[in-house]
């Protein structure tokens, strides 16, 4: 059917000729040259096999067939305008909400600032935040429960695409008075691996990076405590339960106030990438695209 029915631009031109009685005025209304408009009318006449417009020095007049085709064209253009209005309504509805899934450290320490900046750009967008570990973020994206995700870890989770938006470092901390705080030299990685630590749960970006860093040094010992949030791990460490490994972002205030002491460790790489992630092949659009742009600019 596509090769037998004129395109919308041609039909809109025919309607403009009917309104103005002039091919030149119709061309000016639609922002095309008169030769281009004449060529488009001739092409439409060849396509339909009938003459549509009589041209004369006094102007352009629709033929009887042209008047009939114009009535049909009007209905098609009106239907196309309704289609476009409906599609715009869908875009507006999509752009009025943003579902973000973020791992705990990013959700607590970075995302609030990004969302404040986004609100300045899109004050009408309602944002919902789902916080969890990196594995949970990936699951929500793959199930279609989030438009954009943020994770910490070593690589982009399977089934997702991603972009690095920043970097973070894990630090070993302990409450003042712990034996490690009195060391005069950095802690050997074997000693860190062998110690019972207060840790995040498996599936978190923090745990993933620590497991990888200590794999060559005997692997992690059985955790002293295994907790599901950065805040809980930090509170346990401050209380003196035992040493912990946390994001540097999460312990800035505790280190400054000496409620926690940083323990230098030698021979292990505890730096990690912070990534925005989305389902493979589905580049973020609308407010998700704008948030991604903000985070990359901030990084």
Protein backbone atom coordinates (compact mmCIF):
# COMPACT_ATOMS: atom_id res chain seq x y z
CA UNK A 1 0.00 0.00 0.00
CA UNK A 2 2.84 2.43 0.79
CA UNK A 3 3.81 2.77 -2.90
CA UNK A 4 0.16 3.48 -3.92
CA UNK A 5 -0.71 6.08 -1.25
CA UNK A 6 0.96 9.54 -1.25
CA UNK A 7 2.99 10.45 1.80
CA UNK A 8 1.76 12.95 4.41
CA UNK A 9 3.92 15.79 3.09
CA UNK A 10 2.31 15.50 -0.33
CA UNK A 11 -1.20 15.36 1.13
CA UNK A 12 -0.54 18.40 3.33
CA UNK A 13 0.65 20.28 0.24
CA UNK A 14 -2.54 19.40 -1.65
CA UNK A 15 -4.65 20.66 1.26
CA UNK A 16 -2.65 23.92 1.32
CA UNK A 17 -3.26 24.41 -2.43
CA UNK A 18 -6.99 23.92 -1.81
CA UNK A 19 -6.93 26.54 0.99
CA UNK A 20 -4.96 29.19 -0.90
CA UNK A 21 -5.85 28.57 -4.53
CA UNK A 22 -2.17 29.11 -5.26
CA UNK A 23 0.71 26.69 -5.46
CA UNK A 24 3.17 29.47 -4.59
CA UNK A 25 1.33 30.49 -1.38
CA UNK A 26 0.93 26.82 -0.42
CA UNK A 27 4.69 26.33 -0.88
CA UNK A 28 5.47 29.36 1.31
CA UNK A 29 3.15 28.13 4.07
CA UNK A 30 4.91 24.78 4.18
CA UNK A 31 8.42 26.23 3.87
CA UNK A 32 9.33 24.68 0.50
CA UNK A 33 10.26 26.24 -2.82
CA UNK A 34 7.64 26.55 -5.55
CA UNK A 35 9.60 24.26 -7.92
CA UNK A 36 9.79 21.64 -5.18
CA UNK A 37 6.05 21.97 -4.56
CA UNK A 38 5.29 21.64 -8.29
CA UNK A 39 7.48 18.55 -8.46
CA UNK A 40 5.71 17.01 -5.46
CA UNK A 41 2.26 17.61 -7.01
CA UNK A 42 3.36 16.09 -10.35
CA UNK A 43 4.80 13.07 -8.53
CA UNK A 44 1.53 12.58 -6.67
CA UNK A 45 -0.45 12.84 -9.92
CA UNK A 46 1.74 10.18 -11.53
CA UNK A 47 1.37 7.97 -8.45
CA UNK A 48 -2.46 8.22 -8.48
CA UNK A 49 -2.82 8.30 -12.27
CA UNK A 50 -5.09 11.36 -12.29
CA UNK A 51 -4.66 15.14 -12.65
CA UNK A 52 -5.18 16.93 -9.36
CA UNK A 53 -4.39 20.61 -10.03
CA UNK A 54 -5.04 22.87 -13.02
CA UNK A 55 -2.31 25.50 -13.17
CA UNK A 56 -2.83 28.87 -14.87
CA UNK A 57 -1.47 32.42 -14.63
CA UNK A 58 -4.44 33.25 -12.36
CA UNK A 59 -3.50 30.54 -9.84
CA UNK A 60 -4.02 26.84 -9.17
CA UNK A 61 -7.44 25.17 -9.12
CA UNK A 62 -8.29 21.66 -8.04
CA UNK A 63 -9.69 19.37 -10.70
CA UNK A 64 -12.82 17.39 -9.90
CA UNK A 65 -10.59 14.42 -9.08
CA UNK A 66 -8.34 16.73 -7.05
CA UNK A 67 -11.29 17.93 -4.96
CA UNK A 68 -12.29 14.35 -4.21
CA UNK A 69 -8.70 13.35 -3.34
CA UNK A 70 -8.48 16.46 -1.12
CA UNK A 71 -11.47 15.27 0.94
CA UNK A 72 -9.77 11.90 1.42
CA UNK A 73 -6.45 13.61 2.19
CA UNK A 74 -8.07 15.73 4.90
CA UNK A 75 -9.29 12.63 6.73
CA UNK A 76 -5.85 11.00 6.47
CA UNK A 77 -4.05 14.11 7.76
CA UNK A 78 -6.55 14.49 10.63
CA UNK A 79 -5.97 10.85 11.57
CA UNK A 80 -2.21 11.42 11.45
CA UNK A 81 -2.55 14.48 13.71
CA UNK A 82 -4.57 12.41 16.18
CA UNK A 83 -1.91 9.70 16.04
CA UNK A 84 0.82 12.28 16.70
CA UNK A 85 -1.13 13.78 19.62
CA UNK A 86 -1.59 10.34 21.14
CA UNK A 87 2.10 9.52 20.75
CA UNK A 88 3.01 12.85 22.38
CA UNK A 89 0.70 12.04 25.29
CA UNK A 90 2.50 8.72 25.75
CA UNK A 91 5.86 10.51 25.70
CA UNK A 92 4.61 13.06 28.22
CA UNK A 93 3.39 10.31 30.52
CA UNK A 94 6.71 8.48 30.20
CA UNK A 95 8.65 11.66 30.85
CA UNK A 96 6.60 12.48 33.96
CA UNK A 97 8.15 9.62 35.95
CA UNK A 98 11.56 8.09 36.47
CA UNK A 99 12.24 4.81 38.26
CA UNK A 100 15.80 4.56 39.56
CA UNK A 101 17.41 1.51 41.16
CA UNK A 102 20.70 2.11 42.94
CA UNK A 103 23.13 0.20 45.09
CA UNK A 104 23.28 1.32 48.70
CA UNK A 105 26.40 3.51 48.65
CA UNK A 106 25.35 5.41 45.55
CA UNK A 107 21.77 5.74 46.81
CA UNK A 108 22.90 7.20 50.12
CA UNK A 109 25.86 9.38 49.19
CA UNK A 110 25.68 10.40 45.50
CA UNK A 111 22.16 10.05 44.13
CA UNK A 112 20.52 12.77 46.26
CA UNK A 113 22.73 15.45 44.71
CA UNK A 114 22.12 14.10 41.19
CA UNK A 115 18.36 14.09 41.73
CA UNK A 116 18.37 17.68 43.01
CA UNK A 117 20.13 18.71 39.79
CA UNK A 118 17.65 16.71 37.72
CA UNK A 119 14.70 18.42 39.43
CA UNK A 120 16.07 21.78 38.33
CA UNK A 121 15.94 20.54 34.73
CA UNK A 122 12.69 18.55 35.00
CA UNK A 123 10.60 19.91 37.88
CA UNK A 124 7.55 17.92 36.75
CA UNK A 125 9.22 14.50 36.82
CA UNK A 126 8.29 12.25 39.75
CA UNK A 127 11.22 10.06 40.80
CA UNK A 128 10.95 6.77 42.66
CA UNK A 129 14.08 5.16 44.12
CA UNK A 130 14.62 1.47 44.76
CA UNK A 131 17.75 0.86 46.84
CA UNK A 132 19.44 -2.52 47.17
CA UNK A 133 22.68 -4.30 46.43
CA UNK A 134 24.17 -4.40 42.94
CA UNK A 135 22.67 -7.81 42.15
CA UNK A 136 19.19 -6.58 43.10
CA UNK A 137 19.62 -3.50 40.91
CA UNK A 138 20.47 -5.70 37.92
CA UNK A 139 17.44 -7.92 38.57
CA UNK A 140 15.07 -4.95 38.71
CA UNK A 141 16.37 -3.57 35.43
CA UNK A 142 16.06 -6.92 33.69
CA UNK A 143 12.48 -7.31 34.98
CA UNK A 144 11.55 -3.86 33.66
CA UNK A 145 11.00 -2.45 37.16
CA UNK A 146 13.48 0.44 36.73
CA UNK A 147 14.45 2.82 33.94
CA UNK A 148 18.05 3.38 35.04
CA UNK A 149 20.30 1.72 37.59
CA UNK A 150 23.54 2.47 39.42
CA UNK A 151 25.93 -0.20 40.68
CA UNK A 152 29.38 -0.55 42.20
CA UNK A 153 31.63 -3.40 41.24
CA UNK A 154 34.14 -4.86 38.86
CA UNK A 155 32.09 -5.20 35.67
CA UNK A 156 28.73 -4.50 34.03
CA UNK A 157 26.24 -7.16 35.19
CA UNK A 158 25.17 -9.70 32.57
CA UNK A 159 22.35 -8.55 30.31
CA UNK A 160 23.05 -4.86 30.88
CA UNK A 161 24.95 -2.06 29.20
CA UNK A 162 26.67 0.59 31.26
CA UNK A 163 28.86 3.65 31.54
CA UNK A 164 31.34 4.58 34.26
CA UNK A 165 30.12 7.70 36.09
CA UNK A 166 32.70 7.81 38.88
CA UNK A 167 35.13 5.93 41.07
CA UNK A 168 35.24 4.89 44.70
CA UNK A 169 37.71 3.26 47.08
CA UNK A 170 37.06 0.73 49.79
CA UNK A 171 38.79 1.36 53.10
CA UNK A 172 39.40 -0.84 56.11
CA UNK A 173 38.22 0.82 59.32
CA UNK A 174 38.04 -0.04 62.99
CA UNK A 175 36.96 1.65 66.19
CA UNK A 176 39.66 3.44 68.21
CA UNK A 177 41.39 0.99 70.52
CA UNK A 178 41.31 -1.94 68.13
CA UNK A 179 44.74 -3.59 67.87
CA UNK A 180 45.04 -2.71 64.16
CA UNK A 181 44.84 1.02 64.97
CA UNK A 182 48.17 0.73 66.83
CA UNK A 183 50.09 -0.77 63.90
CA UNK A 184 53.11 1.16 62.64
CA UNK A 185 53.05 -0.50 59.20
CA UNK A 186 50.30 -1.28 56.69
CA UNK A 187 48.26 -4.40 57.24
CA UNK A 188 49.37 -7.36 55.07
CA UNK A 189 46.59 -8.65 52.76
CA UNK A 190 46.88 -12.15 54.26
CA UNK A 191 46.08 -10.78 57.71
CA UNK A 192 43.07 -8.89 56.36
CA UNK A 193 41.81 -12.00 54.55
CA UNK A 194 42.17 -14.17 57.66
CA UNK A 195 40.40 -11.79 60.04
CA UNK A 196 36.67 -12.03 60.89
CA UNK A 197 35.24 -8.80 59.49
CA UNK A 198 31.95 -6.93 59.55
CA UNK A 199 30.89 -7.13 55.91
CA UNK A 200 28.13 -6.40 53.45
CA UNK A 201 26.18 -9.38 52.13
CA UNK A 202 27.05 -11.37 49.02
CA UNK A 203 25.69 -9.70 45.90
CA UNK A 204 26.79 -6.24 47.01
CA UNK A 205 29.40 -4.37 44.98
CA UNK A 206 31.50 -3.91 48.12
CA UNK A 207 31.63 -7.63 48.78
CA UNK A 208 32.36 -8.42 45.14
CA UNK A 209 35.37 -6.11 45.03
CA UNK A 210 36.72 -7.37 48.36
CA UNK A 211 36.30 -11.03 47.38
CA UNK A 212 38.21 -10.40 44.16
CA UNK A 213 40.98 -8.40 45.82
CA UNK A 214 41.66 -11.07 48.46
CA UNK A 215 41.19 -14.18 46.28
CA UNK A 216 44.95 -14.46 45.75
CA UNK A 217 45.61 -14.14 49.48
CA UNK A 218 43.56 -17.05 50.74
CA UNK A 219 40.11 -15.55 50.32
CA UNK A 220 37.89 -13.99 52.95
CA UNK A 221 37.46 -15.69 56.29
CA UNK A 222 34.00 -16.35 57.65
CA UNK A 223 32.49 -12.91 58.40
CA UNK A 224 32.06 -11.79 61.96
CA UNK A 225 28.79 -10.14 60.88
CA UNK A 226 27.13 -10.01 57.47
CA UNK A 227 24.78 -7.04 57.13
CA UNK A 228 22.50 -5.78 54.36
CA UNK A 229 23.28 -2.06 54.43
CA UNK A 230 26.25 0.26 54.59
CA UNK A 231 24.69 2.08 57.53
CA UNK A 232 24.41 -1.15 59.53
CA UNK A 233 28.00 -2.16 58.82
CA UNK A 234 29.23 1.29 59.82
CA UNK A 235 27.22 1.28 63.06
CA UNK A 236 28.63 -2.13 63.99
CA UNK A 237 32.19 -0.94 63.34
CA UNK A 238 31.68 2.25 65.38
CA UNK A 239 30.32 0.19 68.27
CA UNK A 240 33.55 -1.84 68.34
CA UNK A 241 32.11 -5.10 67.01
CA UNK A 242 35.11 -5.51 64.72
CA UNK A 243 36.93 -4.12 61.67
CA UNK A 244 34.87 -3.39 58.57
CA UNK A 245 35.43 -2.66 54.90
CA UNK A 246 33.36 0.24 53.59
CA UNK A 247 33.22 2.81 50.85
CA UNK A 248 35.40 5.83 51.49
CA UNK A 249 32.32 7.93 50.69
CA UNK A 250 30.45 6.36 53.60
CA UNK A 251 32.95 6.99 56.39
CA UNK A 252 34.15 10.55 55.73
CA UNK A 253 32.48 11.99 58.83
CA UNK A 254 33.40 9.07 61.10
CA UNK A 255 37.06 9.30 60.12
CA UNK A 256 37.08 13.08 60.63
CA UNK A 257 35.51 12.75 64.09
CA UNK A 258 37.80 9.80 65.00
CA UNK A 259 34.85 7.50 65.68
CA UNK A 260 36.58 5.22 63.16
CA UNK A 261 40.23 4.87 62.27
CA UNK A 262 41.44 4.03 58.78
CA UNK A 263 43.73 1.01 58.58
CA UNK A 264 46.24 1.14 55.67
CA UNK A 265 46.50 -2.13 53.74
CA UNK A 266 49.34 -3.02 51.39
CA UNK A 267 49.30 -5.09 48.24
CA UNK A 268 45.59 -5.04 47.37
CA UNK A 269 43.60 -2.90 44.96
CA UNK A 270 40.36 -1.76 46.56
CA UNK A 271 39.37 0.84 43.96
CA UNK A 272 36.12 0.28 42.10
CA UNK A 273 34.08 1.83 39.31
CA UNK A 274 30.65 3.34 39.83
CA UNK A 275 28.42 2.65 36.84
CA UNK A 276 25.10 3.66 35.41
CA UNK A 277 23.46 0.58 33.87
CA UNK A 278 20.44 -0.17 31.69
CA UNK A 279 19.08 -3.19 29.78
CA UNK A 280 21.26 -4.25 26.86
CA UNK A 281 20.36 -2.48 23.63
CA UNK A 282 17.96 -0.01 25.27
CA UNK A 283 19.78 3.29 25.61
CA UNK A 284 18.13 5.55 28.25
CA UNK A 285 15.64 8.12 26.97
CA UNK A 286 13.72 11.02 28.50
CA UNK A 287 14.49 11.78 32.16
CA UNK A 288 16.68 8.66 32.44
CA UNK A 289 18.89 10.03 29.65
CA UNK A 290 19.04 13.43 31.39
CA UNK A 291 20.01 11.86 34.72
CA UNK A 292 22.72 9.82 33.02
CA UNK A 293 24.08 12.99 31.43
CA UNK A 294 24.10 14.77 34.81
CA UNK A 295 26.01 11.97 36.54
CA UNK A 296 28.64 11.80 33.80
CA UNK A 297 29.09 15.58 33.94
CA UNK A 298 29.46 15.42 37.73
CA UNK A 299 32.05 12.65 37.42
